[in-house]
Amino acid sequence: MKYFKLLFLTLVLCFTCQGFAQSNTSEVTEIKTIANAMLNDVATKNYDALIDKMHPKVFSIVPKESLKEIFKSTFEGNGAVSIDMPEEKPDFKVSEVFNIQDTLKYAFISYDMKMKMTFKEQEFDEASQDMMKNIMKAKGMEVNFISNNTLDVFANNSMTIALKDKASNNEWTVLNYDADSPLVYQILPSELLEKAKEYKQNLMLESTKKSE
């Protein structure tokens, strides 16, 4: 009798773990799909599609139309700074799926992004170029000046958070992670913020090891 009870318990645990693994794999596949679409939206400047993928809490802080105007101004060169993104999409990686009290699921999407920035109302001499390089390096970015006002930027280990909860109708959404942005602190719980900080640091540490 004890043998059958033990066998039954073992089978239950095995099927439970297998079911969790299948569920996790399915969710990672869903996240890869939205990540691929998101990066395609950035490359093709499809602002509406990109905004539709964002977590709805963003729009309680920045209205959709205002966000779209910011994107257009930045990527189409209407403002003081224009950003030119390459048409090819970068490769990306997706972390395991994390869970906070069964109310919020999230994962991290990491990739290396490159872009060209042009400052229309400012030029950089040698000293200010060095200063810009140091500032960007502190943010995990490499800079190469093409001219006095144009530079190539390599944003290695860029990170986007995929998340779903009640507010998103349990659909996967995305939020760009920037540790210096007040936006993420208004939207994300402290547990997720701590995990994101740790994950980002590990990405940067691994990159440092590879370059040594």
Protein backbone atom coordinates (compact mmCIF):
# COMPACT_ATOMS: atom_id res chain seq x y z
CA MET A 1 0.00 0.00 0.00
CA LYS A 2 2.80 2.41 0.91
CA TYR A 3 4.47 1.60 -2.42
CA PHE A 4 1.34 2.50 -4.40
CA LYS A 5 0.87 5.73 -2.42
CA LEU A 6 4.47 6.69 -3.11
CA LEU A 7 4.09 5.81 -6.80
CA PHE A 8 0.87 7.85 -7.04
CA LEU A 9 2.50 10.86 -5.36
CA THR A 10 5.51 10.61 -7.67
CA LEU A 11 3.29 10.50 -10.77
CA VAL A 12 1.29 13.51 -9.57
CA LEU A 13 4.46 15.51 -9.00
CA CYS A 14 5.88 14.49 -12.37
CA PHE A 15 2.76 15.48 -14.29
CA THR A 16 2.51 18.74 -12.32
CA CYS A 17 6.12 19.65 -13.12
CA GLN A 18 5.66 18.61 -16.74
CA GLY A 19 2.53 20.74 -17.02
CA PHE A 20 4.37 23.72 -15.55
CA ALA A 21 7.29 23.24 -17.95
CA GLN A 22 4.94 23.05 -20.95
CA SER A 23 3.09 26.16 -19.76
CA ASN A 24 6.37 28.03 -19.28
CA THR A 25 7.61 26.97 -22.73
CA SER A 26 4.35 28.11 -24.30
CA GLU A 27 4.60 31.51 -22.62
CA VAL A 28 8.22 31.97 -23.71
CA THR A 29 7.07 31.26 -27.27
CA GLU A 30 4.37 33.93 -26.92
CA ILE A 31 6.93 36.40 -25.59
CA LYS A 32 9.30 35.66 -28.48
CA THR A 33 6.45 36.41 -30.88
CA ILE A 34 5.68 39.80 -29.34
CA ALA A 35 9.40 40.62 -29.03
CA ASN A 36 9.96 39.89 -32.70
CA ALA A 37 6.94 42.01 -33.65
CA MET A 38 8.06 44.85 -31.35
CA LEU A 39 11.54 45.00 -32.87
CA ASN A 40 9.99 44.92 -36.34
CA ASP A 41 7.75 47.86 -35.37
CA VAL A 42 10.82 49.82 -34.28
CA ALA A 43 12.69 49.02 -37.51
CA THR A 44 9.71 49.98 -39.72
CA LYS A 45 8.66 52.96 -37.57
CA ASN A 46 5.19 51.52 -37.06
CA TYR A 47 4.38 53.69 -34.05
CA ASP A 48 0.74 52.67 -33.69
CA ALA A 49 1.59 48.97 -33.58
CA LEU A 50 4.42 49.61 -31.13
CA ILE A 51 2.19 51.64 -28.82
CA ASP A 52 -0.52 48.96 -28.94
CA LYS A 53 1.98 46.48 -27.49
CA MET A 54 2.79 48.65 -24.47
CA HIS A 55 1.40 48.04 -21.01
CA PRO A 56 -1.77 50.15 -20.51
CA LYS A 57 -0.43 51.76 -17.32
CA VAL A 58 1.95 53.74 -19.53
CA PHE A 59 -0.98 55.67 -20.99
CA SER A 60 -2.19 56.84 -17.59
CA ILE A 61 1.08 58.78 -17.43
CA VAL A 62 1.71 59.60 -21.09
CA PRO A 63 -1.33 59.70 -23.45
CA LYS A 64 -1.06 57.61 -26.61
CA GLU A 65 -1.16 60.60 -28.95
CA SER A 66 1.58 62.40 -27.02
CA LEU A 67 3.70 59.26 -27.09
CA LYS A 68 3.20 58.92 -30.84
CA GLU A 69 4.29 62.53 -31.38
CA ILE A 70 7.42 61.90 -29.31
CA PHE A 71 8.26 58.86 -31.45
CA LYS A 72 7.66 60.77 -34.70
CA SER A 73 9.71 63.74 -33.56
CA THR A 74 12.59 61.50 -32.46
CA PHE A 75 12.70 59.00 -35.31
CA GLU A 76 11.68 61.28 -38.18
CA GLY A 77 14.04 64.11 -37.34
CA ASN A 78 11.52 66.79 -36.42
CA GLY A 79 13.16 67.64 -33.09
CA ALA A 80 16.56 68.81 -31.89
CA VAL A 81 17.80 65.20 -31.96
CA SER A 82 16.97 62.58 -34.57
CA ILE A 83 17.60 58.85 -34.23
CA ASP A 84 18.06 56.61 -37.25
CA MET A 85 17.44 52.91 -36.59
CA PRO A 86 18.75 50.16 -38.90
CA GLU A 87 16.19 48.19 -40.88
CA GLU A 88 17.51 44.81 -39.77
CA LYS A 89 16.21 43.49 -36.45
CA PRO A 90 18.71 42.52 -33.75
CA ASP A 91 18.87 39.03 -32.30
CA PHE A 92 17.30 38.76 -28.87
CA LYS A 93 17.06 36.45 -25.88
CA VAL A 94 14.13 35.80 -23.55
CA SER A 95 14.57 34.91 -19.89
CA GLU A 96 12.51 32.44 -17.94
CA VAL A 97 9.03 33.60 -16.94
CA PHE A 98 8.72 34.95 -13.40
CA ASN A 99 5.58 35.14 -11.30
CA ILE A 100 4.56 37.55 -8.53
CA GLN A 101 1.83 36.11 -6.29
CA ASP A 102 -0.03 34.72 -9.31
CA THR A 103 -1.11 38.27 -10.22
CA LEU A 104 1.75 39.36 -12.47
CA LYS A 105 3.91 37.39 -14.88
CA TYR A 106 6.98 38.88 -16.50
CA ALA A 107 10.15 38.07 -18.42
CA PHE A 108 13.13 39.98 -19.75
CA ILE A 109 13.92 40.47 -23.44
CA SER A 110 17.57 41.41 -24.04
CA TYR A 111 19.28 42.48 -27.26
CA ASP A 112 22.06 44.66 -28.67
CA MET A 113 20.71 47.74 -30.40
CA LYS A 114 22.58 50.11 -32.68
CA MET A 115 21.46 53.50 -33.95
CA LYS A 116 22.72 56.76 -35.40
CA MET A 117 22.02 59.99 -33.49
CA THR A 118 22.17 63.44 -35.07
CA PHE A 119 22.09 66.62 -32.97
CA LYS A 120 20.67 69.40 -35.15
CA GLU A 121 21.31 72.31 -32.81
CA GLN A 122 24.57 71.25 -31.18
CA GLU A 123 28.12 70.35 -32.18
CA PHE A 124 30.70 68.56 -30.06
CA ASP A 125 34.37 69.50 -29.85
CA GLU A 126 36.98 66.94 -28.78
CA ALA A 127 36.46 67.57 -25.05
CA SER A 128 32.67 67.34 -25.23
CA GLN A 129 32.93 64.22 -27.39
CA ASP A 130 35.01 62.55 -24.68
CA MET A 131 32.47 63.65 -22.09
CA MET A 132 29.61 62.23 -24.16
CA LYS A 133 31.48 58.94 -24.57
CA ASN A 134 31.98 58.66 -20.80
CA ILE A 135 28.33 59.47 -20.06
CA MET A 136 27.09 56.90 -22.55
CA LYS A 137 29.61 54.32 -21.35
CA ALA A 138 28.24 54.69 -17.81
CA LYS A 139 24.85 53.73 -19.27
CA GLY A 140 26.33 50.66 -20.96
CA MET A 141 26.56 52.25 -24.42
CA GLU A 142 29.48 52.67 -26.81
CA VAL A 143 29.76 55.80 -28.95
CA ASN A 144 31.65 56.54 -32.16
CA PHE A 145 31.51 60.10 -33.53
CA ILE A 146 31.10 60.28 -37.31
CA SER A 147 31.12 64.08 -37.33
CA ASN A 148 30.85 66.93 -34.84
CA ASN A 149 27.11 66.38 -34.49
CA THR A 150 26.49 62.78 -35.59
CA LEU A 151 27.41 59.60 -33.76
CA ASP A 152 26.91 55.87 -33.93
CA VAL A 153 25.56 54.42 -30.70
CA PHE A 154 25.84 50.78 -29.72
CA ALA A 155 23.36 50.10 -26.92
CA ASN A 156 24.53 46.66 -25.87
CA ASN A 157 22.39 44.69 -23.43
CA SER A 158 19.28 46.75 -24.06
CA MET A 159 16.35 45.33 -22.15
CA THR A 160 12.58 45.30 -22.49
CA ILE A 161 10.22 43.79 -19.94
CA ALA A 162 7.37 41.60 -21.13
CA LEU A 163 4.55 41.52 -18.61
CA LYS A 164 0.94 40.53 -18.25
CA ASP A 165 -1.53 41.09 -15.45
CA LYS A 166 -5.13 42.06 -14.84
CA ALA A 167 -4.52 45.58 -16.18
CA SER A 168 -3.41 44.12 -19.53
CA ASN A 169 -6.33 41.65 -19.62
CA ASN A 170 -3.74 38.91 -19.11
CA GLU A 171 -2.23 39.64 -22.51
CA TRP A 172 1.52 40.00 -22.94
CA THR A 173 2.62 43.62 -23.21
CA VAL A 174 6.02 45.33 -23.25
CA LEU A 175 7.76 48.10 -21.36
CA ASN A 176 11.24 49.39 -22.14
CA TYR A 177 13.53 49.11 -19.11
CA ASP A 178 15.55 52.19 -18.26
CA ALA A 179 16.86 52.32 -14.69
CA ASP A 180 17.04 56.13 -14.92
CA SER A 181 13.45 56.60 -16.05
CA PRO A 182 10.85 57.59 -13.41
CA LEU A 183 8.24 55.88 -15.60
CA VAL A 184 9.27 52.34 -14.67
CA TYR A 185 9.16 53.19 -10.97
CA GLN A 186 5.59 54.45 -11.31
CA ILE A 187 4.42 51.33 -13.13
CA LEU A 188 6.39 48.35 -11.81
CA PRO A 189 6.32 46.78 -8.33
CA SER A 190 9.50 46.82 -6.25
CA GLU A 191 10.04 43.06 -6.55
CA LEU A 192 10.11 43.28 -10.34
CA LEU A 193 12.36 46.36 -10.25
CA GLU A 194 14.88 44.55 -8.05
CA LYS A 195 14.86 41.52 -10.36
CA ALA A 196 15.26 43.74 -13.43
CA LYS A 197 18.23 45.54 -11.88
CA GLU A 198 19.88 42.22 -11.01
CA TYR A 199 19.23 40.78 -14.48
CA LYS A 200 20.63 43.89 -16.20
CA GLN A 201 23.75 43.83 -14.04
CA ASN A 202 24.32 40.17 -14.87
CA LEU A 203 24.01 40.94 -18.59
CA MET A 204 26.62 43.68 -18.31
CA LEU A 205 28.91 41.48 -16.21
CA GLU A 206 28.77 38.69 -18.79
CA SER A 207 29.60 41.17 -21.55
CA THR A 208 32.57 42.44 -19.56
CA LYS A 209 33.86 38.90 -19.07
CA LYS A 210 33.59 38.18 -22.81
CA SER A 211 35.55 41.31 -23.69
CA GLU A 212 38.42 40.54 -21.29
